Each structure stands twice: as C-alpha cells, then as structure tokens.
Amino acid sequence: MVFDYGDYGHYLASAIVQVGYESKTGVFIYGYYNYSLTTMNNFDYGPTIANRAVGISIGKYLSNKKITLDTKNKQ
C-alpha cells in the first residue's frame, strides 16, 4: 500500500446518526454511528476505503443549572 498525499482524497463525506437520552438529574447516554458516503481512494476502479465508526457516550453534567435562551422577538 502506497502512502502518498496524491493517492488519497483530502475530503470525506459522512453521515452521522446519534440517539440519546438526558435525565433531569444531568445524567446522559448517547450512541452514534458514522457511515462514510465516499471513498478516500483516488484511483478509478480501485478498492473502496471507507470509514465507519460506532460509539457510546455516558456522563453527567457537573452543573445542574439549565441555561435558557429567550429568543422571542421584542417589539
């Protein structure tokens, strides 16, 4: 396999799906899936090089203060 800047694309488009849950106490859990829509290989009829990733995030917010932005138009 040749490692050269001319052999691979500089940009890659992906679709990301994320689902999750946040509780009122600040605990959250998220799961995501990243699917590559294009290939990084620049050669015609060459092999497909696509990124795919699966992950999960679990955590708790340190501050329980919720910030609410008031974006109503005031006249």
PDB file of N, CA and C in Angstrom:
ATOM      1  N   MET A   1       0.846  -1.164   0.000  1.00  0.00           N
ATOM      2  CA  MET A   1       0.000   0.000   0.000  1.00  0.00           C
ATOM      3  C   MET A   1       0.893   1.228   0.000  1.00  0.00           C
ATOM      4  N   VAL A   2       0.619   2.124  -0.897  1.00  0.00           N
ATOM      5  CA  VAL A   2       1.404   3.341  -1.039  1.00  0.00           C
ATOM      6  C   VAL A   2       0.816   4.433  -0.150  1.00  0.00           C
ATOM      7  N   PHE A   3       1.655   5.072   0.653  1.00  0.00           N
ATOM      8  CA  PHE A   3       1.222   6.187   1.478  1.00  0.00           C
ATOM      9  C   PHE A   3       1.753   7.465   0.849  1.00  0.00           C
ATOM     10  N   ASP A   4       0.867   8.184   0.162  1.00  0.00           N
ATOM     11  CA  ASP A   4       1.255   9.397  -0.534  1.00  0.00           C
ATOM     12  C   ASP A   4       0.052  10.336  -0.552  1.00  0.00           C
ATOM     13  N   TYR A   5       0.296  11.643  -0.480  1.00  0.00           N
ATOM     14  CA  TYR A   5      -0.800  12.608  -0.468  1.00  0.00           C
ATOM     15  C   TYR A   5      -1.584  12.600  -1.777  1.00  0.00           C
ATOM     16  N   GLY A   6      -0.967  12.239  -2.882  1.00  0.00           N
ATOM     17  CA  GLY A   6      -1.651  12.219  -4.168  1.00  0.00           C
ATOM     18  C   GLY A   6      -2.531  11.002  -4.365  1.00  0.00           C
ATOM     19  N   ASP A   7      -2.386   9.987  -3.533  1.00  0.00           N
ATOM     20  CA  ASP A   7      -3.155   8.758  -3.704  1.00  0.00           C
ATOM     21  C   ASP A   7      -4.464   8.739  -2.935  1.00  0.00           C
ATOM     22  N   TYR A   8      -4.657   9.669  -2.023  1.00  0.00           N
ATOM     23  CA  TYR A   8      -5.856   9.682  -1.196  1.00  0.00           C
ATOM     24  C   TYR A   8      -6.507  11.050  -1.253  1.00  0.00           C
ATOM     25  N   GLY A   9      -7.841  11.062  -1.129  1.00  0.00           N
ATOM     26  CA  GLY A   9      -8.579  12.312  -1.155  1.00  0.00           C
ATOM     27  C   GLY A   9      -8.375  13.102   0.126  1.00  0.00           C
ATOM     28  N   HIS A  10      -8.500  14.415   0.005  1.00  0.00           N
ATOM     29  CA  HIS A  10      -8.332  15.284   1.173  1.00  0.00           C
ATOM     30  C   HIS A  10      -9.633  15.467   1.942  1.00  0.00           C
ATOM     31  N   TYR A  11     -10.771  15.108   1.329  1.00  0.00           N
ATOM     32  CA  TYR A  11     -12.072  15.307   1.951  1.00  0.00           C
ATOM     33  C   TYR A  11     -12.856  14.007   1.915  1.00  0.00           C
ATOM     34  N   LEU A  12     -13.700  13.826   2.904  1.00  0.00           N
ATOM     35  CA  LEU A  12     -14.516  12.627   3.007  1.00  0.00           C
ATOM     36  C   LEU A  12     -15.874  13.026   3.579  1.00  0.00           C
ATOM     37  N   ALA A  13     -16.952  12.648   2.907  1.00  0.00           N
ATOM     38  CA  ALA A  13     -18.303  12.968   3.386  1.00  0.00           C
ATOM     39  C   ALA A  13     -18.839  11.782   4.180  1.00  0.00           C
ATOM     40  N   SER A  14     -19.480  12.076   5.294  1.00  0.00           N
ATOM     41  CA  SER A  14     -20.018  11.031   6.162  1.00  0.00           C
ATOM     42  C   SER A  14     -21.417  11.393   6.614  1.00  0.00           C
ATOM     43  N   ALA A  15     -22.183  10.379   6.934  1.00  0.00           N
ATOM     44  CA  ALA A  15     -23.495  10.555   7.559  1.00  0.00           C
ATOM     45  C   ALA A  15     -23.377  10.074   8.997  1.00  0.00           C
ATOM     46  N   ILE A  16     -23.837  10.887   9.927  1.00  0.00           N
ATOM     47  CA  ILE A  16     -23.734  10.553  11.345  1.00  0.00           C
ATOM     48  C   ILE A  16     -25.138  10.494  11.937  1.00  0.00           C
ATOM     49  N   VAL A  17     -25.434   9.387  12.586  1.00  0.00           N
ATOM     50  CA  VAL A  17     -26.709   9.213  13.276  1.00  0.00           C
ATOM     51  C   VAL A  17     -26.403   9.113  14.762  1.00  0.00           C
ATOM     52  N   GLN A  18     -27.116   9.918  15.562  1.00  0.00           N
ATOM     53  CA  GLN A  18     -26.893   9.918  17.007  1.00  0.00           C
ATOM     54  C   GLN A  18     -28.238   9.909  17.714  1.00  0.00           C
ATOM     55  N   VAL A  19     -28.371   9.038  18.682  1.00  0.00           N
ATOM     56  CA  VAL A  19     -29.561   8.992  19.530  1.00  0.00           C
ATOM     57  C   VAL A  19     -29.107   8.996  20.976  1.00  0.00           C
ATOM     58  N   GLY A  20     -29.946   9.556  21.830  1.00  0.00           N
ATOM     59  CA  GLY A  20     -29.538   9.610  23.213  1.00  0.00           C
ATOM     60  C   GLY A  20     -30.663   9.988  24.139  1.00  0.00           C
ATOM     61  N   TYR A  21     -30.312  10.061  25.414  1.00  0.00           N
ATOM     62  CA  TYR A  21     -31.264  10.385  26.465  1.00  0.00           C
ATOM     63  C   TYR A  21     -30.563  11.231  27.520  1.00  0.00           C
ATOM     64  N   GLU A  22     -31.260  12.275  27.989  1.00  0.00           N
ATOM     65  CA  GLU A  22     -30.785  13.107  29.093  1.00  0.00           C
ATOM     66  C   GLU A  22     -31.846  13.102  30.189  1.00  0.00           C
ATOM     67  N   SER A  23     -31.436  12.864  31.417  1.00  0.00           N
ATOM     68  CA  SER A  23     -32.380  12.892  32.529  1.00  0.00           C
ATOM     69  C   SER A  23     -32.386  14.273  33.172  1.00  0.00           C
ATOM     70  N   LYS A  24     -33.361  14.529  34.015  1.00  0.00           N
ATOM     71  CA  LYS A  24     -33.444  15.817  34.717  1.00  0.00           C
ATOM     72  C   LYS A  24     -32.330  15.983  35.734  1.00  0.00           C
ATOM     73  N   THR A  25     -31.715  14.895  36.164  1.00  0.00           N
ATOM     74  CA  THR A  25     -30.621  14.973  37.136  1.00  0.00           C
ATOM     75  C   THR A  25     -29.275  15.268  36.486  1.00  0.00           C
ATOM     76  N   GLY A  26     -29.213  15.304  35.155  1.00  0.00           N
ATOM     77  CA  GLY A  26     -27.964  15.623  34.457  1.00  0.00           C
ATOM     78  C   GLY A  26     -27.217  14.428  33.922  1.00  0.00           C
ATOM     79  N   VAL A  27     -27.752  13.234  34.071  1.00  0.00           N
ATOM     80  CA  VAL A  27     -27.114  12.030  33.529  1.00  0.00           C
ATOM     81  C   VAL A  27     -27.523  11.879  32.068  1.00  0.00           C
ATOM     82  N   PHE A  28     -26.568  11.541  31.205  1.00  0.00           N
ATOM     83  CA  PHE A  28     -26.887  11.353  29.796  1.00  0.00           C
ATOM     84  C   PHE A  28     -26.201  10.116  29.246  1.00  0.00           C
ATOM     85  N   ILE A  29     -26.778   9.582  28.160  1.00  0.00           N
ATOM     86  CA  ILE A  29     -26.205   8.460  27.421  1.00  0.00           C
ATOM     87  C   ILE A  29     -26.543   8.657  25.951  1.00  0.00           C
ATOM     88  N   TYR A  30     -25.529   8.533  25.103  1.00  0.00           N
ATOM     89  CA  TYR A  30     -25.693   8.713  23.668  1.00  0.00           C
ATOM     90  C   TYR A  30     -25.021   7.555  22.936  1.00  0.00           C
ATOM     91  N   GLY A  31     -25.609   7.171  21.834  1.00  0.00           N
ATOM     92  CA  GLY A  31     -24.993   6.208  20.938  1.00  0.00           C
ATOM     93  C   GLY A  31     -24.948   6.803  19.539  1.00  0.00           C
ATOM     94  N   TYR A  32     -23.872   6.555  18.798  1.00  0.00           N
ATOM     95  CA  TYR A  32     -23.771   7.125  17.453  1.00  0.00           C
ATOM     96  C   TYR A  32     -23.187   6.111  16.474  1.00  0.00           C
ATOM     97  N   TYR A  33     -23.478   6.354  15.185  1.00  0.00           N
ATOM     98  CA  TYR A  33     -22.932   5.551  14.095  1.00  0.00           C
ATOM     99  C   TYR A  33     -22.498   6.498  12.994  1.00  0.00           C
ATOM    100  N   ASN A  34     -21.276   6.364  12.529  1.00  0.00           N
ATOM    101  CA  ASN A  34     -20.704   7.186  11.468  1.00  0.00           C
ATOM    102  C   ASN A  34     -20.527   6.306  10.238  1.00  0.00           C
ATOM    103  N   TYR A  35     -21.161   6.698   9.121  1.00  0.00           N
ATOM    104  CA  TYR A  35     -21.098   5.922   7.879  1.00  0.00           C
ATOM    105  C   TYR A  35     -20.495   6.784   6.781  1.00  0.00           C
ATOM    106  N   SER A  36     -19.451   6.301   6.129  1.00  0.00           N
ATOM    107  CA  SER A  36     -18.774   7.047   5.080  1.00  0.00           C
ATOM    108  C   SER A  36     -19.583   6.985   3.785  1.00  0.00           C
ATOM    109  N   LEU A  37     -19.864   8.141   3.196  1.00  0.00           N
ATOM    110  CA  LEU A  37     -20.617   8.211   1.943  1.00  0.00           C
ATOM    111  C   LEU A  37     -19.710   8.173   0.722  1.00  0.00           C
ATOM    112  N   THR A  38     -18.448   8.463   0.893  1.00  0.00           N
ATOM    113  CA  THR A  38     -17.499   8.487  -0.223  1.00  0.00           C
ATOM    114  C   THR A  38     -16.278   7.642   0.136  1.00  0.00           C
ATOM    115  N   THR A  39     -15.424   7.446  -0.835  1.00  0.00           N
ATOM    116  CA  THR A  39     -14.200   6.692  -0.620  1.00  0.00           C
ATOM    117  C   THR A  39     -12.995   7.633  -0.588  1.00  0.00           C
ATOM    118  N   MET A  40     -11.968   7.272   0.153  1.00  0.00           N
ATOM    119  CA  MET A  40     -10.749   8.085   0.207  1.00  0.00           C
ATOM    120  C   MET A  40      -9.801   7.763  -0.938  1.00  0.00           C
ATOM    121  N   ASN A  41     -10.042   6.668  -1.650  1.00  0.00           N
ATOM    122  CA  ASN A  41      -9.167   6.248  -2.733  1.00  0.00           C
ATOM    123  C   ASN A  41      -9.419   7.100  -3.972  1.00  0.00           C
ATOM    124  N   ASN A  42      -8.367   7.650  -4.576  1.00  0.00           N
ATOM    125  CA  ASN A  42      -8.495   8.496  -5.761  1.00  0.00           C
ATOM    126  C   ASN A  42      -8.421   7.724  -7.067  1.00  0.00           C
ATOM    127  N   PHE A  43      -8.098   6.427  -7.055  1.00  0.00           N
ATOM    128  CA  PHE A  43      -7.912   5.665  -8.284  1.00  0.00           C
ATOM    129  C   PHE A  43      -9.240   5.155  -8.825  1.00  0.00           C
ATOM    130  N   ASP A  44      -9.433   5.255 -10.152  1.00  0.00           N
ATOM    131  CA  ASP A  44     -10.627   4.698 -10.784  1.00  0.00           C
ATOM    132  C   ASP A  44     -10.607   3.181 -10.680  1.00  0.00           C
ATOM    133  N   TYR A  45     -11.740   2.608 -10.344  1.00  0.00           N
ATOM    134  CA  TYR A  45     -11.910   1.150 -10.212  1.00  0.00           C
ATOM    135  C   TYR A  45     -10.972   0.543  -9.166  1.00  0.00           C
ATOM    136  N   GLY A  46     -10.503   1.353  -8.260  1.00  0.00           N
ATOM    137  CA  GLY A  46      -9.643   0.858  -7.187  1.00  0.00           C
ATOM    138  C   GLY A  46     -10.479   0.387  -6.013  1.00  0.00           C
ATOM    139  N   PRO A  47      -9.821  -0.070  -4.971  1.00  0.00           N
ATOM    140  CA  PRO A  47     -10.572  -0.532  -3.799  1.00  0.00           C
ATOM    141  C   PRO A  47     -11.243   0.639  -3.078  1.00  0.00           C
ATOM    142  N   THR A  48     -12.317   0.339  -2.399  1.00  0.00           N
ATOM    143  CA  THR A  48     -13.037   1.344  -1.627  1.00  0.00           C
ATOM    144  C   THR A  48     -12.424   1.448  -0.233  1.00  0.00           C
ATOM    145  N   ILE A  49     -12.100   2.655   0.162  1.00  0.00           N
ATOM    146  CA  ILE A  49     -11.589   2.912   1.506  1.00  0.00           C
ATOM    147  C   ILE A  49     -12.623   3.800   2.186  1.00  0.00           C
ATOM    148  N   ALA A  50     -13.394   3.233   3.098  1.00  0.00           N
ATOM    149  CA  ALA A  50     -14.480   3.965   3.742  1.00  0.00           C
ATOM    150  C   ALA A  50     -14.356   3.854   5.255  1.00  0.00           C
ATOM    151  N   ASN A  51     -14.660   4.937   5.923  1.00  0.00           N
ATOM    152  CA  ASN A  51     -14.618   4.955   7.382  1.00  0.00           C
ATOM    153  C   ASN A  51     -15.986   4.615   7.948  1.00  0.00           C
ATOM    154  N   ARG A  52     -15.992   3.818   8.991  1.00  0.00           N
ATOM    155  CA  ARG A  52     -17.207   3.523   9.745  1.00  0.00           C
ATOM    156  C   ARG A  52     -16.828   3.463  11.219  1.00  0.00           C
ATOM    157  N   ALA A  53     -17.683   4.035  12.047  1.00  0.00           N
ATOM    158  CA  ALA A  53     -17.390   4.046  13.474  1.00  0.00           C
ATOM    159  C   ALA A  53     -18.693   3.940  14.267  1.00  0.00           C
ATOM    160  N   VAL A  54     -18.597   3.277  15.408  1.00  0.00           N
ATOM    161  CA  VAL A  54     -19.715   3.144  16.336  1.00  0.00           C
ATOM    162  C   VAL A  54     -19.201   3.566  17.697  1.00  0.00           C
ATOM    163  N   GLY A  55     -20.004   4.294  18.451  1.00  0.00           N
ATOM    164  CA  GLY A  55     -19.544   4.727  19.762  1.00  0.00           C
ATOM    165  C   GLY A  55     -20.681   4.969  20.722  1.00  0.00           C
ATOM    166  N   ILE A  56     -20.311   5.111  21.973  1.00  0.00           N
ATOM    167  CA  ILE A  56     -21.272   5.383  23.035  1.00  0.00           C
ATOM    168  C   ILE A  56     -20.644   6.372  24.011  1.00  0.00           C
ATOM    169  N   SER A  57     -21.465   7.296  24.488  1.00  0.00           N
ATOM    170  CA  SER A  57     -21.018   8.287  25.473  1.00  0.00           C
ATOM    171  C   SER A  57     -21.942   8.216  26.678  1.00  0.00           C
ATOM    172  N   ILE A  58     -21.356   8.168  27.855  1.00  0.00           N
ATOM    173  CA  ILE A  58     -22.101   8.146  29.111  1.00  0.00           C
ATOM    174  C   ILE A  58     -21.487   9.196  30.020  1.00  0.00           C
ATOM    175  N   GLY A  59     -22.319   9.992  30.669  1.00  0.00           N
ATOM    176  CA  GLY A  59     -21.750  11.016  31.541  1.00  0.00           C
ATOM    177  C   GLY A  59     -22.777  11.694  32.409  1.00  0.00           C
ATOM    178  N   LYS A  60     -22.307  12.716  33.135  1.00  0.00           N
ATOM    179  CA  LYS A  60     -23.167  13.517  33.997  1.00  0.00           C
ATOM    180  C   LYS A  60     -22.676  14.957  33.943  1.00  0.00           C
ATOM    181  N   TYR A  61     -23.632  15.872  33.774  1.00  0.00           N
ATOM    182  CA  TYR A  61     -23.291  17.281  33.783  1.00  0.00           C
ATOM    183  C   TYR A  61     -22.887  17.688  35.196  1.00  0.00           C
ATOM    184  N   LEU A  62     -21.859  18.505  35.320  1.00  0.00           N
ATOM    185  CA  LEU A  62     -21.357  18.915  36.632  1.00  0.00           C
ATOM    186  C   LEU A  62     -22.217  19.995  37.267  1.00  0.00           C
ATOM    187  N   SER A  63     -22.865  20.807  36.464  1.00  0.00           N
ATOM    188  CA  SER A  63     -23.718  21.872  36.976  1.00  0.00           C
ATOM    189  C   SER A  63     -25.163  21.544  36.647  1.00  0.00           C
ATOM    190  N   ASN A  64     -26.049  21.668  37.616  1.00  0.00           N
ATOM    191  CA  ASN A  64     -27.464  21.396  37.379  1.00  0.00           C
ATOM    192  C   ASN A  64     -28.227  22.619  36.899  1.00  0.00           C
ATOM    193  N   LYS A  65     -27.565  23.760  36.785  1.00  0.00           N
ATOM    194  CA  LYS A  65     -28.232  24.969  36.323  1.00  0.00           C
ATOM    195  C   LYS A  65     -28.455  24.879  34.821  1.00  0.00           C
ATOM    196  N   LYS A  66     -29.701  24.995  34.412  1.00  0.00           N
ATOM    197  CA  LYS A  66     -30.047  24.962  32.998  1.00  0.00           C
ATOM    198  C   LYS A  66     -30.036  26.389  32.454  1.00  0.00           C
ATOM    199  N   ILE A  67     -29.449  26.576  31.296  1.00  0.00           N
ATOM    200  CA  ILE A  67     -29.399  27.873  30.641  1.00  0.00           C
ATOM    201  C   ILE A  67     -30.503  27.889  29.589  1.00  0.00           C
ATOM    202  N   THR A  68     -31.388  28.863  29.679  1.00  0.00           N
ATOM    203  CA  THR A  68     -32.477  29.007  28.722  1.00  0.00           C
ATOM    204  C   THR A  68     -32.262  30.301  27.954  1.00  0.00           C
ATOM    205  N   LEU A  69     -32.242  30.196  26.649  1.00  0.00           N
ATOM    206  CA  LEU A  69     -32.083  31.372  25.809  1.00  0.00           C
ATOM    207  C   LEU A  69     -33.457  31.860  25.382  1.00  0.00           C
ATOM    208  N   ASP A  70     -33.768  33.113  25.646  1.00  0.00           N
ATOM    209  CA  ASP A  70     -35.036  33.693  25.258  1.00  0.00           C
ATOM    210  C   ASP A  70     -34.824  34.388  23.915  1.00  0.00           C
ATOM    211  N   THR A  71     -35.351  33.808  22.856  1.00  0.00           N
ATOM    212  CA  THR A  71     -35.139  34.346  21.517  1.00  0.00           C
ATOM    213  C   THR A  71     -36.407  34.945  20.928  1.00  0.00           C
ATOM    214  N   LYS A  72     -37.383  35.272  21.769  1.00  0.00           N
ATOM    215  CA  LYS A  72     -38.630  35.872  21.292  1.00  0.00           C
ATOM    216  C   LYS A  72     -38.348  37.270  20.776  1.00  0.00           C
ATOM    217  N   ASN A  73     -39.066  37.631  19.714  1.00  0.00           N
ATOM    218  CA  ASN A  73     -38.922  38.976  19.162  1.00  0.00           C
ATOM    219  C   ASN A  73     -39.618  39.975  20.086  1.00  0.00           C
ATOM    220  N   LYS A  74     -38.897  40.978  20.505  1.00  0.00           N
ATOM    221  CA  LYS A  74     -39.462  42.008  21.385  1.00  0.00           C
ATOM    222  C   LYS A  74     -39.735  43.258  20.584  1.00  0.00           C
ATOM    223  N   GLN A  75     -40.945  43.797  20.745  1.00  0.00           N
ATOM    224  CA  GLN A  75     -41.319  44.977  19.970  1.00  0.00           C
ATOM    225  C   GLN A  75     -41.642  46.122  20.878  1.00  0.00           C
TER     226      GLN A  75
END
